Each structure stands twice: as structure tokens, then as C-alpha cells.
C-alpha atoms as a PDB file:
ATOM      1  CA  MET A   1      15.031  74.822 -90.475  1.00  0.00           C
ATOM      2  CA  LYS A   2      11.627  73.552 -89.303  1.00  0.00           C
ATOM      3  CA  LEU A   3      11.303  76.557 -87.027  1.00  0.00           C
ATOM      4  CA  LYS A   4      11.724  78.925 -89.984  1.00  0.00           C
ATOM      5  CA  ILE A   5       9.109  77.073 -92.023  1.00  0.00           C
ATOM      6  CA  LYS A   6       6.681  77.108 -89.101  1.00  0.00           C
ATOM      7  CA  ALA A   7       7.281  80.824 -88.617  1.00  0.00           C
ATOM      8  CA  ILE A   8       6.611  81.470 -92.297  1.00  0.00           C
ATOM      9  CA  TYR A   9       3.391  79.420 -92.194  1.00  0.00           C
ATOM     10  CA  LEU A  10       2.277  81.219 -89.067  1.00  0.00           C
ATOM     11  CA  PHE A  11       2.965  84.598 -90.673  1.00  0.00           C
ATOM     12  CA  LEU A  12       1.013  83.616 -93.816  1.00  0.00           C
ATOM     13  CA  ILE A  13      -1.949  82.335 -91.823  1.00  0.00           C
ATOM     14  CA  ILE A  14      -2.119  85.463 -89.679  1.00  0.00           C
ATOM     15  CA  GLY A  15      -1.721  87.638 -92.769  1.00  0.00           C
ATOM     16  CA  ALA A  16      -4.544  85.815 -94.540  1.00  0.00           C
ATOM     17  CA  MET A  17      -6.870  86.128 -91.564  1.00  0.00           C
ATOM     18  CA  THR A  18      -6.561  89.890 -91.164  1.00  0.00           C
ATOM     19  CA  TYR A  19      -9.442  91.958 -92.387  1.00  0.00           C
ATOM     20  CA  SER A  20      -8.702  95.035 -94.430  1.00  0.00           C
ATOM     21  CA  GLN A  21     -10.219  97.998 -92.623  1.00  0.00           C
ATOM     22  CA  GLU A  22      -8.977 100.806 -94.789  1.00  0.00           C
ATOM     23  CA  PHE A  23     -11.183 102.664 -97.202  1.00  0.00           C
ATOM     24  CA  LYS A  24      -9.680 104.071-100.340  1.00  0.00           C
ATOM     25  CA  GLU A  25     -10.240 107.722-101.148  1.00  0.00           C
ATOM     26  CA  ARG A  26     -12.791 106.885-103.845  1.00  0.00           C
ATOM     27  CA  HIS A  27     -14.797 104.804-101.355  1.00  0.00           C
ATOM     28  CA  ILE A  28     -14.855 107.670 -98.881  1.00  0.00           C
ATOM     29  CA  LYS A  29     -16.085 110.014-101.632  1.00  0.00           C
ATOM     30  CA  LYS A  30     -18.833 107.561-102.572  1.00  0.00           C
ATOM     31  CA  LEU A  31     -19.900 107.338 -98.940  1.00  0.00           C
ATOM     32  CA  GLU A  32     -19.990 111.121 -98.718  1.00  0.00           C
ATOM     33  CA  ASN A  33     -22.089 111.238-101.907  1.00  0.00           C
ATOM     34  CA  LEU A  34     -24.503 108.835-100.212  1.00  0.00           C
ATOM     35  CA  GLY A  35     -24.743 111.189 -97.233  1.00  0.00           C
ATOM     36  CA  ILE A  36     -22.481 109.307 -94.830  1.00  0.00           C
ATOM     37  CA  GLN A  37     -19.762 111.355 -93.206  1.00  0.00           C
ATOM     38  CA  TYR A  38     -16.818 108.969 -92.829  1.00  0.00           C
ATOM     39  CA  LYS A  39     -15.007 109.128 -89.497  1.00  0.00           C
ATOM     40  CA  THR A  40     -11.726 107.581 -88.481  1.00  0.00           C
ATOM     41  CA  GLU A  41     -13.508 105.808 -85.605  1.00  0.00           C
ATOM     42  CA  TYR A  42     -15.220 103.623 -88.203  1.00  0.00           C
ATOM     43  CA  SER A  43     -11.877 102.141 -89.230  1.00  0.00           C
ATOM     44  CA  PHE A  44     -11.371 100.778 -85.693  1.00  0.00           C
ATOM     45  CA  SER A  45     -14.747  99.024 -85.615  1.00  0.00           C
ATOM     46  CA  GLN A  46     -14.918  95.857 -87.677  1.00  0.00           C
ATOM     47  CA  GLN A  47     -18.737  95.954 -87.693  1.00  0.00           C
ATOM     48  CA  ALA A  48     -18.826  99.543 -88.961  1.00  0.00           C
ATOM     49  CA  THR A  49     -16.272  98.727 -91.638  1.00  0.00           C
ATOM     50  CA  LYS A  50     -18.272  95.690 -92.713  1.00  0.00           C
ATOM     51  CA  ASP A  51     -21.505  97.699 -92.799  1.00  0.00           C
ATOM     52  CA  LEU A  52     -19.993 100.524 -94.837  1.00  0.00           C
ATOM     53  CA  HIS A  53     -18.485  98.059 -97.311  1.00  0.00           C
ATOM     54  CA  GLN A  54     -21.934  96.471 -97.551  1.00  0.00           C
ATOM     55  CA  VAL A  55     -23.485  99.903 -98.252  1.00  0.00           C
ATOM     56  CA  LEU A  56     -21.014 100.411-101.088  1.00  0.00           C
ATOM     57  CA  HIS A  57     -21.700  96.902-102.431  1.00  0.00           C
ATOM     58  CA  TYR A  58     -25.475  97.413-102.392  1.00  0.00           C
ATOM     59  CA  ASP A  59     -25.047 100.753-104.153  1.00  0.00           C
ATOM     60  CA  TYR A  60     -22.897  99.122-106.834  1.00  0.00           C
ATOM     61  CA  LYS A  61     -25.459  96.338-107.365  1.00  0.00           C
ATOM     62  CA  ARG A  62     -28.302  98.860-107.547  1.00  0.00           C
ATOM     63  CA  ARG A  63     -26.549 100.962-110.162  1.00  0.00           C
ATOM     64  CA  ALA A  64     -25.636  97.881-112.236  1.00  0.00           C
ATOM     65  CA  LYS A  65     -29.212  96.588-112.166  1.00  0.00           C
ATOM     66  CA  ASN A  66     -30.581  99.994-113.130  1.00  0.00           C
ATOM     67  CA  THR A  67     -28.161 100.162-116.064  1.00  0.00           C
ATOM     68  CA  VAL A  68     -29.167  96.721-117.348  1.00  0.00           C
ATOM     69  CA  GLY A  69     -32.855  97.455-116.803  1.00  0.00           C
ATOM     70  CA  THR A  70     -32.633 100.757-118.646  1.00  0.00           C
ATOM     71  CA  SER A  71     -30.795  99.115-121.550  1.00  0.00           C
ATOM     72  CA  LEU A  72     -33.398  96.370-121.861  1.00  0.00           C
ATOM     73  CA  PHE A  73     -36.251  98.852-121.566  1.00  0.00           C
ATOM     74  CA  THR A  74     -34.734 101.026-124.292  1.00  0.00           C
ATOM     75  CA  LEU A  75     -34.257  97.967-126.514  1.00  0.00           C
ATOM     76  CA  GLY A  76     -37.869  96.999-125.859  1.00  0.00           C
ATOM     77  CA  ILE A  77     -39.256 100.413-126.754  1.00  0.00           C
ATOM     78  CA  GLY A  78     -37.147 100.435-129.928  1.00  0.00           C
ATOM     79  CA  GLY A  79     -38.402  96.980-130.855  1.00  0.00           C
ATOM     80  CA  LEU A  80     -42.025  97.916-130.300  1.00  0.00           C
ATOM     81  CA  ILE A  81     -41.749 101.099-132.338  1.00  0.00           C
ATOM     82  CA  GLY A  82     -39.764  99.308-135.063  1.00  0.00           C
ATOM     83  CA  GLY A  83     -42.327  96.510-135.210  1.00  0.00           C
ATOM     84  CA  MET A  84     -45.186  98.993-135.517  1.00  0.00           C
ATOM     85  CA  LEU A  85     -43.419 100.920-138.267  1.00  0.00           C
ATOM     86  CA  MET A  86     -42.549  97.748-140.172  1.00  0.00           C
ATOM     87  CA  SER A  87     -46.085  96.436-139.983  1.00  0.00           C
ATOM     88  CA  LYS A  88     -47.432  99.779-141.196  1.00  0.00           C
ATOM     89  CA  LYS A  89     -45.028  99.984-144.159  1.00  0.00           C
ATOM     90  CA  ASN A  90     -45.466  96.368-145.184  1.00  0.00           C
ATOM     91  CA  GLN A  91     -49.236  96.256-145.517  1.00  0.00           C
ATOM     92  CA  TYR A  92     -48.919  95.496-149.209  1.00  0.00           C
ATOM     93  CA  ASP A  93     -46.127  92.921-148.912  1.00  0.00           C
ATOM     94  CA  ARG A  94     -46.939  89.998-151.203  1.00  0.00           C
ATOM     95  CA  HIS A  95     -44.706  87.350-149.653  1.00  0.00           C
ATOM     96  CA  GLY A  96     -45.380  88.121-145.989  1.00  0.00           C
ATOM     97  CA  PHE A  97     -41.731  88.550-144.973  1.00  0.00           C
ATOM     98  CA  GLY A  98     -42.328  92.087-143.777  1.00  0.00           C
ATOM     99  CA  SER A  99     -45.033  90.974-141.394  1.00  0.00           C
ATOM    100  CA  ILE A 100     -42.751  88.232-140.027  1.00  0.00           C
ATOM    101  CA  ALA A 101     -39.968  90.754-139.435  1.00  0.00           C
ATOM    102  CA  ALA A 102     -42.425  93.181-137.862  1.00  0.00           C
ATOM    103  CA  GLY A 103     -43.796  90.469-135.596  1.00  0.00           C
ATOM    104  CA  GLY A 104     -40.276  89.399-134.603  1.00  0.00           C
ATOM    105  CA  SER A 105     -39.276  92.965-133.826  1.00  0.00           C
ATOM    106  CA  PHE A 106     -42.468  93.478-131.852  1.00  0.00           C
ATOM    107  CA  LEU A 107     -41.813  90.248-129.931  1.00  0.00           C
ATOM    108  CA  VAL A 108     -38.218  91.268-129.107  1.00  0.00           C
ATOM    109  CA  GLY A 109     -39.502  94.626-127.884  1.00  0.00           C
ATOM    110  CA  ALA A 110     -42.116  93.061-125.660  1.00  0.00           C
ATOM    111  CA  ALA A 111     -39.545  90.626-124.238  1.00  0.00           C
ATOM    112  CA  GLY A 112     -37.131  93.480-123.519  1.00  0.00           C
ATOM    113  CA  ILE A 113     -39.743  95.453-121.635  1.00  0.00           C
ATOM    114  CA  GLY A 114     -40.988  92.360-119.826  1.00  0.00           C
ATOM    115  CA  THR A 115     -37.467  91.462-118.727  1.00  0.00           C
ATOM    116  CA  SER A 116     -36.612  94.964-117.543  1.00  0.00           C
ATOM    117  CA  ILE A 117     -39.504  95.145-115.063  1.00  0.00           C
ATOM    118  CA  PRO A 118     -38.199  92.455-112.629  1.00  0.00           C
ATOM    119  CA  ILE A 119     -34.719  93.956-112.867  1.00  0.00           C
ATOM    120  CA  PHE A 120     -36.057  97.365-111.833  1.00  0.00           C
ATOM    121  CA  ILE A 121     -37.964  95.739-108.949  1.00  0.00           C
ATOM    122  CA  SER A 122     -34.780  93.975-107.821  1.00  0.00           C
ATOM    123  CA  ALA A 123     -32.843  97.255-107.994  1.00  0.00           C
ATOM    124  CA  GLY A 124     -35.499  98.852-105.785  1.00  0.00           C
ATOM    125  CA  LYS A 125     -35.167  96.077-103.194  1.00  0.00           C
ATOM    126  CA  THR A 126     -31.383  96.486-103.216  1.00  0.00           C
ATOM    127  CA  ARG A 127     -31.819 100.233-102.722  1.00  0.00           C
ATOM    128  CA  LYS A 128     -34.018  99.580 -99.673  1.00  0.00           C
ATOM    129  CA  LYS A 129     -31.355  97.301 -98.147  1.00  0.00           C
ATOM    130  CA  ARG A 130     -28.705  99.950 -98.795  1.00  0.00           C
ATOM    131  CA  ASP A 131     -30.851 102.689 -97.290  1.00  0.00           C
ATOM    132  CA  GLN A 132     -31.508 100.666 -94.116  1.00  0.00           C
ATOM    133  CA  LEU A 133     -27.777 100.304 -93.497  1.00  0.00           C
ATOM    134  CA  LYS A 134     -27.098 103.863 -94.583  1.00  0.00           C
ATOM    135  CA  LEU A 135     -29.648 105.255 -92.141  1.00  0.00           C
ATOM    136  CA  ILE A 136     -27.650 103.997 -89.146  1.00  0.00           C
ATOM    137  CA  TYR A 137     -24.590 106.023 -90.092  1.00  0.00           C
ATOM    138  CA  GLN A 138     -26.535 109.038 -91.331  1.00  0.00           C
ATOM    139  CA  GLN A 139     -28.338 109.335 -87.986  1.00  0.00           C
ATOM    140  CA  ASP A 140     -24.981 109.206 -86.242  1.00  0.00           C
ATOM    141  CA  SER A 141     -23.662 112.066 -88.377  1.00  0.00           C
ATOM    142  CA  ILE A 142     -26.933 114.037 -88.020  1.00  0.00           C
ATOM    143  CA  TYR A 143     -26.769 113.657 -84.231  1.00  0.00           C
ATOM    144  CA  ASN A 144     -23.162 114.893 -84.153  1.00  0.00           C
ATOM    145  CA  THR A 145     -24.006 117.804 -86.475  1.00  0.00           C
ATOM    146  CA  SER A 146     -26.906 118.882 -84.266  1.00  0.00           C
ATOM    147  CA  ILE A 147     -24.627 118.789 -81.201  1.00  0.00           C
ATOM    148  CA  GLN A 148     -22.077 120.959 -83.008  1.00  0.00           C
ATOM    149  CA  GLN A 149     -24.788 123.412 -84.045  1.00  0.00           C
ATOM    150  CA  ALA A 150     -26.092 123.618 -80.484  1.00  0.00           C
ATOM    151  CA  LYS A 151     -22.591 124.337 -79.177  1.00  0.00           C
ATOM    152  CA  PHE A 152     -22.098 127.007 -81.821  1.00  0.00           C
ATOM    153  CA  LEU A 153     -25.408 128.697 -80.987  1.00  0.00           C
ATOM    154  CA  SER A 154     -24.734 128.593 -77.261  1.00  0.00           C
ATOM    155  CA  GLU A 155     -21.351 130.276 -77.759  1.00  0.00           C
ATOM    156  CA  ASN A 156     -22.829 133.125 -79.797  1.00  0.00           C
END
């Protein structure tokens, strides 16, 4: 009985320690869209698999940051324009509520634009990290392509 339990524990520990080296079809397509030609040799190298997963992760982070930055920038532009229009229309407001609303809208717009700038900078840094890793595997595919082209030209 103890032998069976030990065997089960051993199987679970070994199963938990294995590293998934398979790429799904959508991951391979994303790598190809990034300019990396996926090869089956990469699945046998744990370092290559880790690097390519890291490229995909950096690309995901970059796209997410760009989406948030664009949303905040759009909100900021809308707030600035809305604040300007409100302040223009409410020049003759007797109670001053229009100018408060215009100032609040203008403030929200400025905050949106101010917040989007560091997010865009962070997305650019993430893109640089992705491109550094991507360059390793692009050079490998460029080298192999140039060898194939040289063989083709020498045959003809």
C-alpha cells in the first residue's frame, strides 16, 4: 500500500516539474506575424522555448499597454475639448456651475493625457525587450533563408 502511495507521489512530482514545450497553433501564428519562423528544433531546446514564450509575453504586455494608453489619451483629448466647449458656452453663467464643470472636465482631460504618456513610454521599453529577444531568432531564420537562396542560385 505504501509503495503505491509513494509511486503516485513520485508521478505527481515528476508531472509537476515538467516544462511544457509545445506551442499552440495560435502561438506559432503570432510568432510568424512577428517575423520568427518557428522550427521544430525549438521545441527540443528549453532555452529557445523559454525565449519564444517570453517574446509572446512581451508582445502581449506591449499591446495591452498601448490599448490602455490610447484609451486614456482619447479620454484626455475628449475632456480637454469638452472643457473648452463648456467654458465657451458658459461665459454668461450666473451661478458659476458651468465654469466648475468646465474646469473639472478640463482637469480630467489633462490627467488622462498626463497618465497616458508614461504608459506609452513603458510600452516602448517592453517593445525594445521583445525586439532584442526576437532578433536572435530572426537572424537564425535569415541566415537559413540566405543559405537556401544560395543553394537555389547555384543549382540554376
